[in-house]
Amino acid sequence: MSKLRHFQLGDMLMHESKSSRWKVETDSTRRWWLTLSHPSTGFDPRKHLSGFESRDEVLERKKALIRILLTGEDHHHRLGTTLGICETGSRCGLSICPFCMRRFRSGFLIPEVCAQIARWQECTGESGVAVSVVPAKLKLAAGELHQLDLPKMLDAFRQRLRRAGYGGYISINGVDLSFNESSEGKWASHWQPHFYAVVLSANEPKQVKAELGKFFPADESVRVPVHVKRLNDPMRPVSYLWKPFFQRRVSYIATNGRLAARKLPLRPDQVREVALFFGEKAPTERLLFTGIRRRGQHLVEM
């Protein structure tokens, strides 16, 4: 008989065989983020980023995610069980695990990207820009998220950066996701992927927006697909490159007649769908680097 492991979730006691764990890639080159040490630089978001998630917040998010997964089908249940037995010294490494991804963000992504930005800013005296881009043509209906091809999506964004004149610049680009709804039924509800990016360019935000905007047209659900601002305080924009949770965006017409949106939690079926989609993916599969690459646990210029 296989050894049983258990975890306690409120008044719920789950027993699972080790062999029934979600099949996580065990190759150490895919799970290097589990060995991250805390950053020794001045870019530790736990100390210097107001609002960065605490361990207590991460624990509550993890409990809520497990509850939702355990009420789903067998494949959701296995994923929830793997999250449930993730603990200090035996982390699951899943890119939907709040604990593992807090370590990935605080031990690698945020400090390494901020260090790159600081070096560039010191050498050039410029700020760089933070960019948000919504590819309005890329929408997926509920239940169709599995059709999203992340490598193809990131490669298409790389090509658009190049065509806009930014292919030779250092940039760090991350994929985010929301489930968008119209409270007035103006469009069908859908998953909407979008990008957050940091581009180390001396160009003015207005110029960057104009050059990128040529490749990202608006539509009824995405009125302003490109936003650009100066990168004066990098840590918060960098934290957006890889957000640890997803939301619903419910659009409505504000009192001034403009389109506005409320950010709300995903519904349980949406949580299960997005968890299943990202479940076995490495966290770096949501990232695109240009002009730099990862060498071990550090980012280096190419």
C-alpha atoms as a PDB file:
ATOM      1  CA  MET A   1       0.000   0.000   0.000  1.00  0.00           C
ATOM      2  CA  SER A   2       1.354   3.384  -0.958  1.00  0.00           C
ATOM      3  CA  LYS A   3       2.146   5.813   1.789  1.00  0.00           C
ATOM      4  CA  LEU A   4      -0.692   8.248   2.412  1.00  0.00           C
ATOM      5  CA  ARG A   5      -0.217  11.936   2.957  1.00  0.00           C
ATOM      6  CA  HIS A   6      -2.823  14.326   4.249  1.00  0.00           C
ATOM      7  CA  PHE A   7      -3.529  17.975   4.709  1.00  0.00           C
ATOM      8  CA  GLN A   8      -6.004  19.832   6.855  1.00  0.00           C
ATOM      9  CA  LEU A   9      -8.163  22.517   5.250  1.00  0.00           C
ATOM     10  CA  GLY A  10     -10.560  23.933   7.821  1.00  0.00           C
ATOM     11  CA  ASP A  11     -12.701  20.946   8.814  1.00  0.00           C
ATOM     12  CA  MET A  12     -11.868  19.077   5.604  1.00  0.00           C
ATOM     13  CA  LEU A  13      -9.409  16.183   5.758  1.00  0.00           C
ATOM     14  CA  MET A  14      -8.135  14.905   2.428  1.00  0.00           C
ATOM     15  CA  HIS A  15      -6.097  11.723   1.967  1.00  0.00           C
ATOM     16  CA  GLU A  16      -4.216  11.133  -1.266  1.00  0.00           C
ATOM     17  CA  SER A  17      -1.568   8.723  -2.514  1.00  0.00           C
ATOM     18  CA  LYS A  18       1.729  10.233  -3.610  1.00  0.00           C
ATOM     19  CA  SER A  19       1.127   8.659  -7.010  1.00  0.00           C
ATOM     20  CA  SER A  20      -2.067  10.684  -7.458  1.00  0.00           C
ATOM     21  CA  ARG A  21      -0.286  14.042  -7.360  1.00  0.00           C
ATOM     22  CA  TRP A  22      -0.677  16.346 -10.328  1.00  0.00           C
ATOM     23  CA  LYS A  23       2.062  15.479 -12.801  1.00  0.00           C
ATOM     24  CA  VAL A  24       4.522  18.320 -12.301  1.00  0.00           C
ATOM     25  CA  GLU A  25       7.670  18.528 -14.409  1.00  0.00           C
ATOM     26  CA  THR A  26      10.468  17.271 -12.144  1.00  0.00           C
ATOM     27  CA  ASP A  27      13.396  18.323 -14.332  1.00  0.00           C
ATOM     28  CA  SER A  28      15.455  20.654 -12.111  1.00  0.00           C
ATOM     29  CA  THR A  29      16.039  22.967 -15.068  1.00  0.00           C
ATOM     30  CA  ARG A  30      12.275  23.523 -15.222  1.00  0.00           C
ATOM     31  CA  ARG A  31      11.895  24.002 -11.467  1.00  0.00           C
ATOM     32  CA  TRP A  32      14.970  26.102 -10.690  1.00  0.00           C
ATOM     33  CA  TRP A  33      12.744  28.733  -9.058  1.00  0.00           C
ATOM     34  CA  LEU A  34      12.227  26.403  -6.079  1.00  0.00           C
ATOM     35  CA  THR A  35      15.878  26.881  -5.070  1.00  0.00           C
ATOM     36  CA  LEU A  36      15.806  30.686  -5.115  1.00  0.00           C
ATOM     37  CA  SER A  37      17.314  32.490  -2.155  1.00  0.00           C
ATOM     38  CA  HIS A  38      16.009  35.827  -0.976  1.00  0.00           C
ATOM     39  CA  PRO A  39      17.568  38.748  -2.867  1.00  0.00           C
ATOM     40  CA  SER A  40      20.555  40.458  -1.295  1.00  0.00           C
ATOM     41  CA  THR A  41      20.005  43.631  -3.365  1.00  0.00           C
ATOM     42  CA  GLY A  42      17.877  46.624  -2.454  1.00  0.00           C
ATOM     43  CA  PHE A  43      15.089  45.348  -4.699  1.00  0.00           C
ATOM     44  CA  ASP A  44      13.342  42.940  -2.354  1.00  0.00           C
ATOM     45  CA  PRO A  45       9.597  43.636  -2.889  1.00  0.00           C
ATOM     46  CA  ARG A  46       8.737  42.161   0.518  1.00  0.00           C
ATOM     47  CA  LYS A  47      10.597  45.087   2.088  1.00  0.00           C
ATOM     48  CA  HIS A  48      10.304  47.872  -0.472  1.00  0.00           C
ATOM     49  CA  LEU A  49       6.983  47.387  -2.323  1.00  0.00           C
ATOM     50  CA  SER A  50       3.919  48.587  -0.471  1.00  0.00           C
ATOM     51  CA  GLY A  51       1.074  46.106  -0.840  1.00  0.00           C
ATOM     52  CA  PHE A  52       3.230  43.149  -1.892  1.00  0.00           C
ATOM     53  CA  GLU A  53       1.405  40.033  -0.758  1.00  0.00           C
ATOM     54  CA  SER A  54       2.183  38.829   2.743  1.00  0.00           C
ATOM     55  CA  ARG A  55       2.493  35.162   3.722  1.00  0.00           C
ATOM     56  CA  ASP A  56      -0.893  35.381   5.442  1.00  0.00           C
ATOM     57  CA  GLU A  57      -2.514  36.743   2.271  1.00  0.00           C
ATOM     58  CA  VAL A  58      -0.860  34.034   0.202  1.00  0.00           C
ATOM     59  CA  LEU A  59      -2.096  31.369   2.607  1.00  0.00           C
ATOM     60  CA  GLU A  60      -5.689  32.606   2.368  1.00  0.00           C
ATOM     61  CA  ARG A  61      -5.494  32.737  -1.429  1.00  0.00           C
ATOM     62  CA  LYS A  62      -4.121  29.211  -1.488  1.00  0.00           C
ATOM     63  CA  LYS A  63      -6.921  27.888   0.757  1.00  0.00           C
ATOM     64  CA  ALA A  64      -9.576  29.538  -1.411  1.00  0.00           C
ATOM     65  CA  LEU A  65      -8.032  28.111  -4.585  1.00  0.00           C
ATOM     66  CA  ILE A  66      -7.874  24.595  -3.117  1.00  0.00           C
ATOM     67  CA  ARG A  67     -11.532  24.733  -2.037  1.00  0.00           C
ATOM     68  CA  ILE A  68     -12.608  25.662  -5.554  1.00  0.00           C
ATOM     69  CA  LEU A  69     -10.447  23.005  -7.218  1.00  0.00           C
ATOM     70  CA  LEU A  70     -11.649  20.258  -4.893  1.00  0.00           C
ATOM     71  CA  THR A  71     -15.261  20.905  -5.942  1.00  0.00           C
ATOM     72  CA  GLY A  72     -14.411  20.335  -9.604  1.00  0.00           C
ATOM     73  CA  GLU A  73     -13.782  17.221 -11.659  1.00  0.00           C
ATOM     74  CA  ASP A  74     -11.045  14.652 -11.089  1.00  0.00           C
ATOM     75  CA  HIS A  75      -8.315  16.639 -12.882  1.00  0.00           C
ATOM     76  CA  HIS A  76      -9.169  19.721 -10.827  1.00  0.00           C
ATOM     77  CA  HIS A  77      -9.188  17.602  -7.672  1.00  0.00           C
ATOM     78  CA  ARG A  78      -5.685  16.249  -8.383  1.00  0.00           C
ATOM     79  CA  LEU A  79      -4.395  19.759  -8.932  1.00  0.00           C
ATOM     80  CA  GLY A  80      -5.980  20.959  -5.687  1.00  0.00           C
ATOM     81  CA  THR A  81      -4.471  18.042  -3.797  1.00  0.00           C
ATOM     82  CA  THR A  82      -0.994  18.855  -5.090  1.00  0.00           C
ATOM     83  CA  LEU A  83      -1.414  22.427  -3.871  1.00  0.00           C
ATOM     84  CA  GLY A  84      -2.655  21.139  -0.526  1.00  0.00           C
ATOM     85  CA  ILE A  85       0.464  19.101   0.208  1.00  0.00           C
ATOM     86  CA  CYS A  86       2.856  21.840  -0.927  1.00  0.00           C
ATOM     87  CA  GLU A  87       4.831  22.827   2.149  1.00  0.00           C
ATOM     88  CA  THR A  88       8.185  24.197   3.257  1.00  0.00           C
ATOM     89  CA  GLY A  89      10.887  21.788   2.125  1.00  0.00           C
ATOM     90  CA  SER A  90       8.562  20.056  -0.333  1.00  0.00           C
ATOM     91  CA  ARG A  91       7.194  22.717  -2.646  1.00  0.00           C
ATOM     92  CA  CYS A  92       5.017  21.779  -5.631  1.00  0.00           C
ATOM     93  CA  GLY A  93       6.510  24.272  -8.088  1.00  0.00           C
ATOM     94  CA  LEU A  94       3.183  24.883  -9.828  1.00  0.00           C
ATOM     95  CA  SER A  95       2.871  28.274 -11.491  1.00  0.00           C
ATOM     96  CA  ILE A  96      -0.562  28.687  -9.879  1.00  0.00           C
ATOM     97  CA  CYS A  97       0.755  28.008  -6.370  1.00  0.00           C
ATOM     98  CA  PRO A  98       0.615  31.263  -4.382  1.00  0.00           C
ATOM     99  CA  PHE A  99       3.581  30.266  -2.201  1.00  0.00           C
ATOM    100  CA  CYS A 100       5.865  29.049  -5.003  1.00  0.00           C
ATOM    101  CA  MET A 101       5.084  32.052  -7.172  1.00  0.00           C
ATOM    102  CA  ARG A 102       5.636  34.504  -4.330  1.00  0.00           C
ATOM    103  CA  ARG A 103       9.158  33.095  -4.144  1.00  0.00           C
ATOM    104  CA  PHE A 104       9.545  33.296  -7.942  1.00  0.00           C
ATOM    105  CA  ARG A 105       8.482  36.958  -7.982  1.00  0.00           C
ATOM    106  CA  SER A 106      10.346  38.110  -4.868  1.00  0.00           C
ATOM    107  CA  GLY A 107      13.472  35.965  -5.339  1.00  0.00           C
ATOM    108  CA  PHE A 108      13.994  36.335  -9.088  1.00  0.00           C
ATOM    109  CA  LEU A 109      11.721  38.354 -11.338  1.00  0.00           C
ATOM    110  CA  ILE A 110      11.237  41.622  -9.481  1.00  0.00           C
ATOM    111  CA  PRO A 111      14.787  42.048  -8.055  1.00  0.00           C
ATOM    112  CA  GLU A 112      16.524  40.908 -11.262  1.00  0.00           C
ATOM    113  CA  VAL A 113      14.472  43.132 -13.571  1.00  0.00           C
ATOM    114  CA  CYS A 114      14.767  46.119 -11.213  1.00  0.00           C
ATOM    115  CA  ALA A 115      18.550  45.627 -11.068  1.00  0.00           C
ATOM    116  CA  GLN A 116      18.696  45.641 -14.888  1.00  0.00           C
ATOM    117  CA  ILE A 117      16.632  48.822 -15.012  1.00  0.00           C
ATOM    118  CA  ALA A 118      18.775  50.522 -12.352  1.00  0.00           C
ATOM    119  CA  ARG A 119      21.994  49.750 -14.247  1.00  0.00           C
ATOM    120  CA  TRP A 120      20.542  51.054 -17.514  1.00  0.00           C
ATOM    121  CA  GLN A 121      19.150  54.205 -15.886  1.00  0.00           C
ATOM    122  CA  GLU A 122      22.489  54.924 -14.203  1.00  0.00           C
ATOM    123  CA  CYS A 123      24.396  54.532 -17.485  1.00  0.00           C
ATOM    124  CA  THR A 124      21.980  56.510 -19.673  1.00  0.00           C
ATOM    125  CA  GLY A 125      20.355  58.999 -17.332  1.00  0.00           C
ATOM    126  CA  GLU A 126      17.009  58.027 -18.887  1.00  0.00           C
ATOM    127  CA  SER A 127      13.916  56.456 -17.314  1.00  0.00           C
ATOM    128  CA  GLY A 128      12.576  53.910 -19.790  1.00  0.00           C
ATOM    129  CA  VAL A 129       8.859  53.206 -20.189  1.00  0.00           C
ATOM    130  CA  ALA A 130       6.215  50.908 -18.747  1.00  0.00           C
ATOM    131  CA  VAL A 131       3.764  49.606 -21.352  1.00  0.00           C
ATOM    132  CA  SER A 132       0.356  47.921 -21.205  1.00  0.00           C
ATOM    133  CA  VAL A 133      -0.995  46.413 -24.432  1.00  0.00           C
ATOM    134  CA  VAL A 134      -4.312  44.646 -25.059  1.00  0.00           C
ATOM    135  CA  PRO A 135      -4.453  42.721 -28.364  1.00  0.00           C
ATOM    136  CA  ALA A 136      -8.172  43.282 -28.953  1.00  0.00           C
ATOM    137  CA  LYS A 137      -8.359  40.671 -31.734  1.00  0.00           C
ATOM    138  CA  LEU A 138      -7.189  37.921 -29.394  1.00  0.00           C
ATOM    139  CA  LYS A 139     -10.250  36.798 -27.441  1.00  0.00           C
ATOM    140  CA  LEU A 140     -11.314  33.369 -26.230  1.00  0.00           C
ATOM    141  CA  ALA A 141     -14.765  32.319 -25.104  1.00  0.00           C
ATOM    142  CA  ALA A 142     -15.341  30.680 -21.731  1.00  0.00           C
ATOM    143  CA  GLY A 143     -14.190  27.066 -21.931  1.00  0.00           C
ATOM    144  CA  GLU A 144     -11.745  27.794 -24.762  1.00  0.00           C
ATOM    145  CA  LEU A 145      -8.743  29.053 -22.793  1.00  0.00           C
ATOM    146  CA  HIS A 146      -6.896  25.804 -23.567  1.00  0.00           C
ATOM    147  CA  GLN A 147      -6.682  27.004 -27.176  1.00  0.00           C
ATOM    148  CA  LEU A 148      -4.415  29.922 -26.239  1.00  0.00           C
ATOM    149  CA  ASP A 149      -0.944  29.304 -27.681  1.00  0.00           C
ATOM    150  CA  LEU A 150       1.399  31.197 -25.350  1.00  0.00           C
ATOM    151  CA  PRO A 151       4.616  30.734 -27.418  1.00  0.00           C
ATOM    152  CA  LYS A 152       2.830  31.906 -30.564  1.00  0.00           C
ATOM    153  CA  MET A 153       1.302  34.863 -28.727  1.00  0.00           C
ATOM    154  CA  LEU A 154       4.664  35.951 -27.292  1.00  0.00           C
ATOM    155  CA  ASP A 155       6.431  35.526 -30.617  1.00  0.00           C
ATOM    156  CA  ALA A 156       3.776  37.683 -32.311  1.00  0.00           C
ATOM    157  CA  PHE A 157       4.373  40.385 -29.678  1.00  0.00           C
ATOM    158  CA  ARG A 158       8.134  40.136 -30.263  1.00  0.00           C
ATOM    159  CA  GLN A 159       7.550  40.732 -33.978  1.00  0.00           C
ATOM    160  CA  ARG A 160       5.346  43.741 -33.300  1.00  0.00           C
ATOM    161  CA  LEU A 161       8.008  45.220 -31.018  1.00  0.00           C
ATOM    162  CA  ARG A 162      10.519  44.766 -33.833  1.00  0.00           C
ATOM    163  CA  ARG A 163       8.243  46.317 -36.452  1.00  0.00           C
ATOM    164  CA  ALA A 164       7.553  49.265 -34.132  1.00  0.00           C
ATOM    165  CA  GLY A 165      11.307  49.850 -33.879  1.00  0.00           C
ATOM    166  CA  TYR A 166      11.949  48.343 -30.446  1.00  0.00           C
ATOM    167  CA  GLY A 167      13.350  44.946 -31.384  1.00  0.00           C
ATOM    168  CA  GLY A 168      16.892  45.997 -30.487  1.00  0.00           C
ATOM    169  CA  TYR A 169      16.014  47.353 -27.051  1.00  0.00           C
ATOM    170  CA  ILE A 170      16.111  45.539 -23.731  1.00  0.00           C
ATOM    171  CA  SER A 171      12.544  44.676 -22.817  1.00  0.00           C
ATOM    172  CA  ILE A 172      10.843  42.405 -20.323  1.00  0.00           C
ATOM    173  CA  ASN A 173       7.324  41.382 -21.274  1.00  0.00           C
ATOM    174  CA  GLY A 174       4.736  39.410 -19.313  1.00  0.00           C
ATOM    175  CA  VAL A 175       1.342  37.902 -20.127  1.00  0.00           C
ATOM    176  CA  ASP A 176      -1.682  38.710 -18.000  1.00  0.00           C
ATOM    177  CA  LEU A 177      -5.257  37.533 -18.367  1.00  0.00           C
ATOM    178  CA  SER A 178      -8.725  38.711 -17.411  1.00  0.00           C
ATOM    179  CA  PHE A 179     -12.260  37.537 -18.030  1.00  0.00           C
ATOM    180  CA  ASN A 180     -14.101  40.480 -19.553  1.00  0.00           C
ATOM    181  CA  GLU A 181     -17.837  41.044 -19.358  1.00  0.00           C
ATOM    182  CA  SER A 182     -20.184  43.829 -20.421  1.00  0.00           C
ATOM    183  CA  SER A 183     -22.858  44.664 -17.862  1.00  0.00           C
ATOM    184  CA  GLU A 184     -24.976  46.015 -20.732  1.00  0.00           C
ATOM    185  CA  GLY A 185     -24.449  43.056 -23.052  1.00  0.00           C
ATOM    186  CA  LYS A 186     -22.507  45.044 -25.647  1.00  0.00           C
ATOM    187  CA  TRP A 187     -20.210  42.096 -26.379  1.00  0.00           C
ATOM    188  CA  ALA A 188     -19.911  38.436 -25.546  1.00  0.00           C
ATOM    189  CA  SER A 189     -17.980  37.609 -22.364  1.00  0.00           C
ATOM    190  CA  HIS A 190     -14.477  36.355 -23.089  1.00  0.00           C
ATOM    191  CA  TRP A 191     -10.970  35.697 -21.840  1.00  0.00           C
ATOM    192  CA  GLN A 192      -8.733  38.627 -22.790  1.00  0.00           C
ATOM    193  CA  PRO A 193      -4.958  38.124 -22.754  1.00  0.00           C
ATOM    194  CA  HIS A 194      -2.833  41.244 -22.502  1.00  0.00           C
ATOM    195  CA  PHE A 195       0.759  42.285 -22.048  1.00  0.00           C
ATOM    196  CA  TYR A 196       2.653  44.294 -19.477  1.00  0.00           C
ATOM    197  CA  ALA A 197       6.117  45.359 -20.584  1.00  0.00           C
ATOM    198  CA  VAL A 198       9.140  47.354 -19.517  1.00  0.00           C
ATOM    199  CA  VAL A 199      11.100  48.805 -22.435  1.00  0.00           C
ATOM    200  CA  LEU A 200      14.462  50.449 -21.806  1.00  0.00           C
ATOM    201  CA  SER A 201      14.142  53.217 -24.368  1.00  0.00           C
ATOM    202  CA  ALA A 202      14.830  56.945 -24.070  1.00  0.00           C
ATOM    203  CA  ASN A 203      11.810  57.699 -26.278  1.00  0.00           C
ATOM    204  CA  GLU A 204       8.950  59.696 -24.810  1.00  0.00           C
ATOM    205  CA  PRO A 205       5.848  57.722 -23.736  1.00  0.00           C
ATOM    206  CA  LYS A 206       3.731  59.518 -26.333  1.00  0.00           C
ATOM    207  CA  GLN A 207       6.068  58.404 -29.114  1.00  0.00           C
ATOM    208  CA  VAL A 208       6.175  54.793 -27.894  1.00  0.00           C
ATOM    209  CA  LYS A 209       2.374  54.695 -27.722  1.00  0.00           C
ATOM    210  CA  ALA A 210       2.036  56.023 -31.257  1.00  0.00           C
ATOM    211  CA  GLU A 211       4.550  53.533 -32.658  1.00  0.00           C
ATOM    212  CA  LEU A 212       3.078  50.497 -30.902  1.00  0.00           C
ATOM    213  CA  GLY A 213      -0.499  51.618 -31.411  1.00  0.00           C
ATOM    214  CA  LYS A 214      -0.222  51.034 -35.158  1.00  0.00           C
ATOM    215  CA  PHE A 215      -0.214  47.284 -34.516  1.00  0.00           C
ATOM    216  CA  PHE A 216      -2.927  47.090 -31.861  1.00  0.00           C
ATOM    217  CA  PRO A 217      -6.263  48.503 -33.099  1.00  0.00           C
ATOM    218  CA  ALA A 218      -9.142  49.242 -30.742  1.00  0.00           C
ATOM    219  CA  ASP A 219     -12.584  47.676 -30.792  1.00  0.00           C
ATOM    220  CA  GLU A 220     -15.808  48.016 -28.813  1.00  0.00           C
ATOM    221  CA  SER A 221     -14.499  46.130 -25.792  1.00  0.00           C
ATOM    222  CA  VAL A 222     -10.983  47.635 -25.886  1.00  0.00           C
ATOM    223  CA  ARG A 223     -11.252  51.372 -26.436  1.00  0.00           C
ATOM    224  CA  VAL A 224      -7.606  52.202 -25.603  1.00  0.00           C
ATOM    225  CA  PRO A 225      -5.412  49.161 -26.335  1.00  0.00           C
ATOM    226  CA  VAL A 226      -2.035  50.769 -25.557  1.00  0.00           C
ATOM    227  CA  HIS A 227      -0.987  52.673 -22.426  1.00  0.00           C
ATOM    228  CA  VAL A 228       2.546  53.964 -21.875  1.00  0.00           C
ATOM    229  CA  LYS A 229       4.067  55.878 -18.975  1.00  0.00           C
ATOM    230  CA  ARG A 230       7.513  56.879 -17.848  1.00  0.00           C
ATOM    231  CA  LEU A 231       9.327  54.351 -15.671  1.00  0.00           C
ATOM    232  CA  ASN A 232      10.125  56.589 -12.710  1.00  0.00           C
ATOM    233  CA  ASP A 233       9.487  54.113  -9.888  1.00  0.00           C
ATOM    234  CA  PRO A 234      10.190  50.695 -11.462  1.00  0.00           C
ATOM    235  CA  MET A 235       9.279  48.195  -8.752  1.00  0.00           C
ATOM    236  CA  ARG A 236       5.500  48.453  -8.989  1.00  0.00           C
ATOM    237  CA  PRO A 237       5.314  48.338 -12.822  1.00  0.00           C
ATOM    238  CA  VAL A 238       7.750  45.417 -12.746  1.00  0.00           C
ATOM    239  CA  SER A 239       5.482  43.560 -10.305  1.00  0.00           C
ATOM    240  CA  TYR A 240       2.723  43.776 -12.948  1.00  0.00           C
ATOM    241  CA  LEU A 241       4.824  41.799 -15.435  1.00  0.00           C
ATOM    242  CA  TRP A 242       3.814  38.596 -13.672  1.00  0.00           C
ATOM    243  CA  LYS A 243       0.658  38.974 -11.617  1.00  0.00           C
ATOM    244  CA  PRO A 244      -0.066  36.091  -9.226  1.00  0.00           C
ATOM    245  CA  PHE A 245      -3.855  36.022  -9.692  1.00  0.00           C
ATOM    246  CA  PHE A 246      -6.461  36.901 -12.301  1.00  0.00           C
ATOM    247  CA  GLN A 247      -9.709  38.877 -12.219  1.00  0.00           C
ATOM    248  CA  ARG A 248     -12.960  39.612 -13.971  1.00  0.00           C
ATOM    249  CA  ARG A 249     -13.349  43.019 -15.584  1.00  0.00           C
ATOM    250  CA  VAL A 250     -16.997  44.040 -15.794  1.00  0.00           C
ATOM    251  CA  SER A 251     -17.452  47.037 -18.070  1.00  0.00           C
ATOM    252  CA  TYR A 252     -20.177  49.637 -17.594  1.00  0.00           C
ATOM    253  CA  ILE A 253     -20.981  53.188 -18.680  1.00  0.00           C
ATOM    254  CA  ALA A 254     -19.957  55.654 -15.964  1.00  0.00           C
ATOM    255  CA  THR A 255     -21.950  58.776 -15.085  1.00  0.00           C
ATOM    256  CA  ASN A 256     -19.664  60.834 -17.336  1.00  0.00           C
ATOM    257  CA  GLY A 257     -20.660  58.650 -20.292  1.00  0.00           C
ATOM    258  CA  ARG A 258     -17.296  56.925 -20.577  1.00  0.00           C
ATOM    259  CA  LEU A 259     -16.604  53.215 -20.492  1.00  0.00           C
ATOM    260  CA  ALA A 260     -15.348  52.085 -17.081  1.00  0.00           C
ATOM    261  CA  ALA A 261     -14.679  48.691 -15.486  1.00  0.00           C
ATOM    262  CA  ARG A 262     -15.058  47.040 -12.097  1.00  0.00           C
ATOM    263  CA  LYS A 263     -12.475  44.459 -11.074  1.00  0.00           C
ATOM    264  CA  LEU A 264     -14.076  41.443  -9.417  1.00  0.00           C
ATOM    265  CA  PRO A 265     -12.936  37.931  -8.418  1.00  0.00           C
ATOM    266  CA  LEU A 266     -13.240  35.173 -10.980  1.00  0.00           C
ATOM    267  CA  ARG A 267     -16.175  32.793 -10.604  1.00  0.00           C
ATOM    268  CA  PRO A 268     -15.357  29.225  -9.503  1.00  0.00           C
ATOM    269  CA  ASP A 269     -15.661  27.738 -13.003  1.00  0.00           C
ATOM    270  CA  GLN A 270     -13.325  30.443 -14.321  1.00  0.00           C
ATOM    271  CA  VAL A 271     -10.819  29.801 -11.524  1.00  0.00           C
ATOM    272  CA  ARG A 272     -10.771  26.106 -12.403  1.00  0.00           C
ATOM    273  CA  GLU A 273     -10.307  26.819 -16.104  1.00  0.00           C
ATOM    274  CA  VAL A 274      -7.389  29.201 -15.641  1.00  0.00           C
ATOM    275  CA  ALA A 275      -5.780  26.962 -13.007  1.00  0.00           C
ATOM    276  CA  LEU A 276      -5.922  24.009 -15.366  1.00  0.00           C
ATOM    277  CA  PHE A 277      -4.450  26.059 -18.222  1.00  0.00           C
ATOM    278  CA  PHE A 278      -1.442  27.324 -16.254  1.00  0.00           C
ATOM    279  CA  GLY A 279      -1.147  24.308 -13.962  1.00  0.00           C
ATOM    280  CA  GLU A 280       1.805  22.504 -15.550  1.00  0.00           C
ATOM    281  CA  LYS A 281       3.428  25.489 -17.229  1.00  0.00           C
ATOM    282  CA  ALA A 282       6.686  26.923 -15.944  1.00  0.00           C
ATOM    283  CA  PRO A 283       6.297  30.540 -14.740  1.00  0.00           C
ATOM    284  CA  THR A 284       8.799  31.691 -17.385  1.00  0.00           C
ATOM    285  CA  GLU A 285       6.375  30.563 -20.097  1.00  0.00           C
ATOM    286  CA  ARG A 286       4.457  33.775 -19.401  1.00  0.00           C
ATOM    287  CA  LEU A 287       7.560  35.908 -20.027  1.00  0.00           C
ATOM    288  CA  LEU A 288       9.415  37.246 -23.060  1.00  0.00           C
ATOM    289  CA  PHE A 289      12.884  38.801 -22.821  1.00  0.00           C
ATOM    290  CA  THR A 290      14.559  40.808 -25.577  1.00  0.00           C
ATOM    291  CA  GLY A 291      18.151  42.016 -25.323  1.00  0.00           C
ATOM    292  CA  ILE A 292      18.681  39.972 -22.152  1.00  0.00           C
ATOM    293  CA  ARG A 293      18.400  36.325 -21.188  1.00  0.00           C
ATOM    294  CA  ARG A 294      18.289  34.220 -18.074  1.00  0.00           C
ATOM    295  CA  ARG A 295      21.543  32.629 -16.947  1.00  0.00           C
ATOM    296  CA  GLY A 296      20.769  30.434 -13.961  1.00  0.00           C
ATOM    297  CA  GLN A 297      18.996  32.644 -11.457  1.00  0.00           C
ATOM    298  CA  HIS A 298      20.099  35.940 -12.995  1.00  0.00           C
ATOM    299  CA  LEU A 299      19.326  38.097 -16.021  1.00  0.00           C
ATOM    300  CA  VAL A 300      22.278  39.083 -18.209  1.00  0.00           C
ATOM    301  CA  GLU A 301      22.580  41.227 -21.310  1.00  0.00           C
ATOM    302  CA  MET A 302      23.025  39.440 -24.616  1.00  0.00           C
END
